[in-house]
Amino acid sequence: MENEAGGKSFDCVKMTREIRDKIYEETKHMSRSEVIEWYNAVTLEDPFFARLPEAKIVKPTKRRSTV
């Protein structure tokens, strides 16, 4: 999207990177189960997900061995 001066008024890539970096900073020192708890709490508070009746809580599962 460009404004009258020819510059971008909205940069989707920049916004996506800012969101990704914010989430990383909030979760970088959390364990896997803490990240899942954080995700569930954020999802329940988010107005977008609140409108989805099929939105479900993520439950921790056992990790599969890669060996």
PDB file of N, CA and C in Angstrom:
ATOM      1  N   MET A   1       0.843  -1.161   0.000  1.00  0.00           N
ATOM      2  CA  MET A   1       0.000   0.000   0.000  1.00  0.00           C
ATOM      3  C   MET A   1       0.899   1.239   0.000  1.00  0.00           C
ATOM      4  N   GLU A   2       0.615   2.177  -0.891  1.00  0.00           N
ATOM      5  CA  GLU A   2       1.432   3.384  -0.972  1.00  0.00           C
ATOM      6  C   GLU A   2       0.586   4.596  -0.641  1.00  0.00           C
ATOM      7  N   ASN A   3       1.226   5.603  -0.038  1.00  0.00           N
ATOM      8  CA  ASN A   3       0.526   6.851   0.216  1.00  0.00           C
ATOM      9  C   ASN A   3       0.762   7.810  -0.944  1.00  0.00           C
ATOM     10  N   GLU A   4       0.252   9.023  -0.850  1.00  0.00           N
ATOM     11  CA  GLU A   4       0.355   9.990  -1.946  1.00  0.00           C
ATOM     12  C   GLU A   4       1.803  10.338  -2.287  1.00  0.00           C
ATOM     13  N   ALA A   5       2.688  10.316  -1.322  1.00  0.00           N
ATOM     14  CA  ALA A   5       4.088  10.665  -1.553  1.00  0.00           C
ATOM     15  C   ALA A   5       4.845   9.520  -2.222  1.00  0.00           C
ATOM     16  N   GLY A   6       4.216   8.372  -2.379  1.00  0.00           N
ATOM     17  CA  GLY A   6       4.850   7.241  -3.036  1.00  0.00           C
ATOM     18  C   GLY A   6       5.505   6.260  -2.081  1.00  0.00           C
ATOM     19  N   GLY A   7       5.551   6.578  -0.799  1.00  0.00           N
ATOM     20  CA  GLY A   7       6.140   5.667   0.182  1.00  0.00           C
ATOM     21  C   GLY A   7       5.102   4.707   0.726  1.00  0.00           C
ATOM     22  N   LYS A   8       5.574   3.676   1.352  1.00  0.00           N
ATOM     23  CA  LYS A   8       4.653   2.699   1.928  1.00  0.00           C
ATOM     24  C   LYS A   8       4.024   3.271   3.191  1.00  0.00           C
ATOM     25  N   SER A   9       2.718   3.130   3.305  1.00  0.00           N
ATOM     26  CA  SER A   9       2.031   3.553   4.524  1.00  0.00           C
ATOM     27  C   SER A   9       1.906   2.374   5.492  1.00  0.00           C
ATOM     28  N   PHE A  10       2.068   1.155   4.974  1.00  0.00           N
ATOM     29  CA  PHE A  10       1.990  -0.041   5.814  1.00  0.00           C
ATOM     30  C   PHE A  10       2.961  -1.067   5.264  1.00  0.00           C
ATOM     31  N   ASP A  11       3.813  -1.571   6.139  1.00  0.00           N
ATOM     32  CA  ASP A  11       4.809  -2.561   5.733  1.00  0.00           C
ATOM     33  C   ASP A  11       4.511  -3.873   6.460  1.00  0.00           C
ATOM     34  N   CYS A  12       3.910  -4.804   5.748  1.00  0.00           N
ATOM     35  CA  CYS A  12       3.495  -6.082   6.330  1.00  0.00           C
ATOM     36  C   CYS A  12       4.691  -6.882   6.848  1.00  0.00           C
ATOM     37  N   VAL A  13       5.782  -6.908   6.095  1.00  0.00           N
ATOM     38  CA  VAL A  13       6.959  -7.671   6.509  1.00  0.00           C
ATOM     39  C   VAL A  13       7.527  -7.093   7.802  1.00  0.00           C
ATOM     40  N   LYS A  14       7.597  -5.786   7.886  1.00  0.00           N
ATOM     41  CA  LYS A  14       8.109  -5.136   9.098  1.00  0.00           C
ATOM     42  C   LYS A  14       7.224  -5.475  10.300  1.00  0.00           C
ATOM     43  N   MET A  15       5.909  -5.390  10.114  1.00  0.00           N
ATOM     44  CA  MET A  15       4.986  -5.700  11.198  1.00  0.00           C
ATOM     45  C   MET A  15       5.130  -7.157  11.643  1.00  0.00           C
ATOM     46  N   THR A  16       5.229  -8.067  10.679  1.00  0.00           N
ATOM     47  CA  THR A  16       5.384  -9.484  10.995  1.00  0.00           C
ATOM     48  C   THR A  16       6.653  -9.732  11.795  1.00  0.00           C
ATOM     49  N   ARG A  17       7.746  -9.109  11.400  1.00  0.00           N
ATOM     50  CA  ARG A  17       9.011  -9.270  12.122  1.00  0.00           C
ATOM     51  C   ARG A  17       8.937  -8.687  13.515  1.00  0.00           C
ATOM     52  N   GLU A  18       8.271  -7.552  13.676  1.00  0.00           N
ATOM     53  CA  GLU A  18       8.120  -6.948  15.003  1.00  0.00           C
ATOM     54  C   GLU A  18       7.317  -7.854  15.929  1.00  0.00           C
ATOM     55  N   ILE A  19       6.243  -8.439  15.424  1.00  0.00           N
ATOM     56  CA  ILE A  19       5.418  -9.352  16.220  1.00  0.00           C
ATOM     57  C   ILE A  19       6.226 -10.586  16.595  1.00  0.00           C
ATOM     58  N   ARG A  20       6.937 -11.152  15.628  1.00  0.00           N
ATOM     59  CA  ARG A  20       7.763 -12.342  15.875  1.00  0.00           C
ATOM     60  C   ARG A  20       8.817 -12.055  16.933  1.00  0.00           C
ATOM     61  N   ASP A  21       9.483 -10.903  16.825  1.00  0.00           N
ATOM     62  CA  ASP A  21      10.524 -10.541  17.787  1.00  0.00           C
ATOM     63  C   ASP A  21       9.950 -10.316  19.183  1.00  0.00           C
ATOM     64  N   LYS A  22       8.758  -9.721  19.259  1.00  0.00           N
ATOM     65  CA  LYS A  22       8.108  -9.493  20.554  1.00  0.00           C
ATOM     66  C   LYS A  22       7.773 -10.830  21.222  1.00  0.00           C
ATOM     67  N   ILE A  23       7.213 -11.751  20.449  1.00  0.00           N
ATOM     68  CA  ILE A  23       6.871 -13.072  20.989  1.00  0.00           C
ATOM     69  C   ILE A  23       8.132 -13.791  21.444  1.00  0.00           C
ATOM     70  N   TYR A  24       9.183 -13.709  20.651  1.00  0.00           N
ATOM     71  CA  TYR A  24      10.443 -14.352  21.028  1.00  0.00           C
ATOM     72  C   TYR A  24      10.960 -13.795  22.346  1.00  0.00           C
ATOM     73  N   GLU A  25      10.949 -12.476  22.497  1.00  0.00           N
ATOM     74  CA  GLU A  25      11.447 -11.860  23.730  1.00  0.00           C
ATOM     75  C   GLU A  25      10.619 -12.282  24.942  1.00  0.00           C
ATOM     76  N   GLU A  26       9.323 -12.436  24.761  1.00  0.00           N
ATOM     77  CA  GLU A  26       8.451 -12.832  25.865  1.00  0.00           C
ATOM     78  C   GLU A  26       8.624 -14.296  26.255  1.00  0.00           C
ATOM     79  N   THR A  27       9.045 -15.138  25.326  1.00  0.00           N
ATOM     80  CA  THR A  27       9.063 -16.577  25.586  1.00  0.00           C
ATOM     81  C   THR A  27      10.454 -17.220  25.575  1.00  0.00           C
ATOM     82  N   LYS A  28      11.506 -16.463  25.329  1.00  0.00           N
ATOM     83  CA  LYS A  28      12.813 -17.072  25.101  1.00  0.00           C
ATOM     84  C   LYS A  28      13.380 -17.837  26.297  1.00  0.00           C
ATOM     85  N   HIS A  29      12.993 -17.495  27.507  1.00  0.00           N
ATOM     86  CA  HIS A  29      13.522 -18.199  28.678  1.00  0.00           C
ATOM     87  C   HIS A  29      12.514 -19.176  29.283  1.00  0.00           C
ATOM     88  N   MET A  30      11.450 -19.457  28.566  1.00  0.00           N
ATOM     89  CA  MET A  30      10.414 -20.350  29.085  1.00  0.00           C
ATOM     90  C   MET A  30      10.668 -21.787  28.652  1.00  0.00           C
ATOM     91  N   SER A  31      10.225 -22.692  29.500  1.00  0.00           N
ATOM     92  CA  SER A  31      10.270 -24.108  29.128  1.00  0.00           C
ATOM     93  C   SER A  31       9.135 -24.364  28.133  1.00  0.00           C
ATOM     94  N   ARG A  32       9.143 -25.552  27.557  1.00  0.00           N
ATOM     95  CA  ARG A  32       8.107 -25.903  26.582  1.00  0.00           C
ATOM     96  C   ARG A  32       6.718 -25.808  27.197  1.00  0.00           C
ATOM     97  N   SER A  33       6.550 -26.326  28.413  1.00  0.00           N
ATOM     98  CA  SER A  33       5.234 -26.284  29.051  1.00  0.00           C
ATOM     99  C   SER A  33       4.834 -24.850  29.405  1.00  0.00           C
ATOM    100  N   GLU A  34       5.795 -24.011  29.773  1.00  0.00           N
ATOM    101  CA  GLU A  34       5.499 -22.606  30.059  1.00  0.00           C
ATOM    102  C   GLU A  34       5.066 -21.864  28.791  1.00  0.00           C
ATOM    103  N   VAL A  35       5.696 -22.193  27.669  1.00  0.00           N
ATOM    104  CA  VAL A  35       5.311 -21.573  26.396  1.00  0.00           C
ATOM    105  C   VAL A  35       3.885 -21.974  26.041  1.00  0.00           C
ATOM    106  N   ILE A  36       3.539 -23.219  26.260  1.00  0.00           N
ATOM    107  CA  ILE A  36       2.174 -23.681  25.979  1.00  0.00           C
ATOM    108  C   ILE A  36       1.181 -22.954  26.869  1.00  0.00           C
ATOM    109  N   GLU A  37       1.490 -22.789  28.154  1.00  0.00           N
ATOM    110  CA  GLU A  37       0.611 -22.044  29.057  1.00  0.00           C
ATOM    111  C   GLU A  37       0.474 -20.594  28.600  1.00  0.00           C
ATOM    112  N   TRP A  38       1.591 -19.977  28.208  1.00  0.00           N
ATOM    113  CA  TRP A  38       1.585 -18.596  27.726  1.00  0.00           C
ATOM    114  C   TRP A  38       0.703 -18.483  26.487  1.00  0.00           C
ATOM    115  N   TYR A  39       0.889 -19.409  25.551  1.00  0.00           N
ATOM    116  CA  TYR A  39       0.111 -19.404  24.316  1.00  0.00           C
ATOM    117  C   TYR A  39      -1.384 -19.525  24.607  1.00  0.00           C
ATOM    118  N   ASN A  40      -1.741 -20.436  25.481  1.00  0.00           N
ATOM    119  CA  ASN A  40      -3.153 -20.621  25.826  1.00  0.00           C
ATOM    120  C   ASN A  40      -3.745 -19.360  26.438  1.00  0.00           C
ATOM    121  N   ALA A  41      -2.998 -18.709  27.343  1.00  0.00           N
ATOM    122  CA  ALA A  41      -3.491 -17.490  27.980  1.00  0.00           C
ATOM    123  C   ALA A  41      -3.659 -16.376  26.953  1.00  0.00           C
ATOM    124  N   VAL A  42      -2.688 -16.219  26.081  1.00  0.00           N
ATOM    125  CA  VAL A  42      -2.751 -15.173  25.058  1.00  0.00           C
ATOM    126  C   VAL A  42      -3.887 -15.449  24.084  1.00  0.00           C
ATOM    127  N   THR A  43      -4.057 -16.703  23.715  1.00  0.00           N
ATOM    128  CA  THR A  43      -5.109 -17.072  22.764  1.00  0.00           C
ATOM    129  C   THR A  43      -6.486 -16.775  23.329  1.00  0.00           C
ATOM    130  N   LEU A  44      -6.698 -17.074  24.593  1.00  0.00           N
ATOM    131  CA  LEU A  44      -8.003 -16.841  25.203  1.00  0.00           C
ATOM    132  C   LEU A  44      -8.318 -15.355  25.322  1.00  0.00           C
ATOM    133  N   GLU A  45      -7.295 -14.506  25.450  1.00  0.00           N
ATOM    134  CA  GLU A  45      -7.498 -13.061  25.583  1.00  0.00           C
ATOM    135  C   GLU A  45      -7.635 -12.367  24.234  1.00  0.00           C
ATOM    136  N   ASP A  46      -7.190 -12.996  23.170  1.00  0.00           N
ATOM    137  CA  ASP A  46      -7.168 -12.361  21.860  1.00  0.00           C
ATOM    138  C   ASP A  46      -8.578 -12.262  21.280  1.00  0.00           C
ATOM    139  N   PRO A  47      -8.998 -11.071  20.846  1.00  0.00           N
ATOM    140  CA  PRO A  47     -10.359 -10.917  20.316  1.00  0.00           C
ATOM    141  C   PRO A  47     -10.624 -11.760  19.061  1.00  0.00           C
ATOM    142  N   PHE A  48      -9.618 -11.984  18.237  1.00  0.00           N
ATOM    143  CA  PHE A  48      -9.800 -12.805  17.049  1.00  0.00           C
ATOM    144  C   PHE A  48     -10.143 -14.239  17.434  1.00  0.00           C
ATOM    145  N   PHE A  49      -9.344 -14.824  18.329  1.00  0.00           N
ATOM    146  CA  PHE A  49      -9.584 -16.203  18.727  1.00  0.00           C
ATOM    147  C   PHE A  49     -10.845 -16.349  19.567  1.00  0.00           C
ATOM    148  N   ALA A  50     -11.215 -15.302  20.292  1.00  0.00           N
ATOM    149  CA  ALA A  50     -12.431 -15.361  21.109  1.00  0.00           C
ATOM    150  C   ALA A  50     -13.673 -15.539  20.234  1.00  0.00           C
ATOM    151  N   ARG A  51     -13.593 -15.099  18.975  1.00  0.00           N
ATOM    152  CA  ARG A  51     -14.732 -15.238  18.064  1.00  0.00           C
ATOM    153  C   ARG A  51     -14.832 -16.622  17.455  1.00  0.00           C
ATOM    154  N   LEU A  52     -13.806 -17.424  17.600  1.00  0.00           N
ATOM    155  CA  LEU A  52     -13.806 -18.747  16.995  1.00  0.00           C
ATOM    156  C   LEU A  52     -14.312 -19.785  17.990  1.00  0.00           C
ATOM    157  N   PRO A  53     -15.480 -20.339  17.744  1.00  0.00           N
ATOM    158  CA  PRO A  53     -16.021 -21.312  18.705  1.00  0.00           C
ATOM    159  C   PRO A  53     -15.189 -22.585  18.774  1.00  0.00           C
ATOM    160  N   GLU A  54     -14.439 -22.897  17.716  1.00  0.00           N
ATOM    161  CA  GLU A  54     -13.654 -24.124  17.719  1.00  0.00           C
ATOM    162  C   GLU A  54     -12.251 -23.916  18.288  1.00  0.00           C
ATOM    163  N   ALA A  55     -11.952 -22.699  18.773  1.00  0.00           N
ATOM    164  CA  ALA A  55     -10.631 -22.446  19.367  1.00  0.00           C
ATOM    165  C   ALA A  55     -10.468 -23.356  20.576  1.00  0.00           C
ATOM    166  N   LYS A  56      -9.379 -24.066  20.600  1.00  0.00           N
ATOM    167  CA  LYS A  56      -9.166 -25.052  21.657  1.00  0.00           C
ATOM    168  C   LYS A  56      -7.872 -24.764  22.405  1.00  0.00           C
ATOM    169  N   ILE A  57      -7.830 -25.231  23.623  1.00  0.00           N
ATOM    170  CA  ILE A  57      -6.637 -25.135  24.437  1.00  0.00           C
ATOM    171  C   ILE A  57      -5.651 -26.200  23.963  1.00  0.00           C
ATOM    172  N   VAL A  58      -4.399 -25.823  23.838  1.00  0.00           N
ATOM    173  CA  VAL A  58      -3.359 -26.769  23.451  1.00  0.00           C
ATOM    174  C   VAL A  58      -2.911 -27.512  24.696  1.00  0.00           C
ATOM    175  N   LYS A  59      -2.858 -28.820  24.597  1.00  0.00           N
ATOM    176  CA  LYS A  59      -2.410 -29.632  25.726  1.00  0.00           C
ATOM    177  C   LYS A  59      -1.017 -30.157  25.429  1.00  0.00           C
ATOM    178  N   PRO A  60      -0.140 -30.092  26.426  1.00  0.00           N
ATOM    179  CA  PRO A  60       1.212 -30.622  26.207  1.00  0.00           C
ATOM    180  C   PRO A  60       1.155 -32.098  25.850  1.00  0.00           C
ATOM    181  N   THR A  61       1.991 -32.511  24.927  1.00  0.00           N
ATOM    182  CA  THR A  61       2.076 -33.908  24.553  1.00  0.00           C
ATOM    183  C   THR A  61       3.503 -34.376  24.770  1.00  0.00           C
ATOM    184  N   LYS A  62       3.658 -35.686  24.797  1.00  0.00           N
ATOM    185  CA  LYS A  62       5.001 -36.225  24.947  1.00  0.00           C
ATOM    186  C   LYS A  62       5.769 -35.968  23.662  1.00  0.00           C
ATOM    187  N   ARG A  63       7.014 -35.591  23.810  1.00  0.00           N
ATOM    188  CA  ARG A  63       7.840 -35.350  22.646  1.00  0.00           C
ATOM    189  C   ARG A  63       8.294 -36.684  22.064  1.00  0.00           C
ATOM    190  N   ARG A  64       8.297 -36.753  20.764  1.00  0.00           N
ATOM    191  CA  ARG A  64       8.779 -37.955  20.113  1.00  0.00           C
ATOM    192  C   ARG A  64      10.300 -37.952  20.091  1.00  0.00           C
ATOM    193  N   SER A  65      10.852 -39.083  20.266  1.00  0.00           N
ATOM    194  CA  SER A  65      12.298 -39.219  20.218  1.00  0.00           C
ATOM    195  C   SER A  65      12.746 -39.118  18.776  1.00  0.00           C
ATOM    196  N   THR A  66      13.859 -38.417  18.551  1.00  0.00           N
ATOM    197  CA  THR A  66      14.387 -38.290  17.197  1.00  0.00           C
ATOM    198  C   THR A  66      15.468 -39.311  16.936  1.00  0.00           C
ATOM    199  N   VAL A  67      15.733 -40.161  17.927  1.00  0.00           N
ATOM    200  CA  VAL A  67      16.778 -41.176  17.770  1.00  0.00           C
ATOM    201  C   VAL A  67      16.162 -42.513  17.471  1.00  0.00           C
TER     202      VAL A  67
END
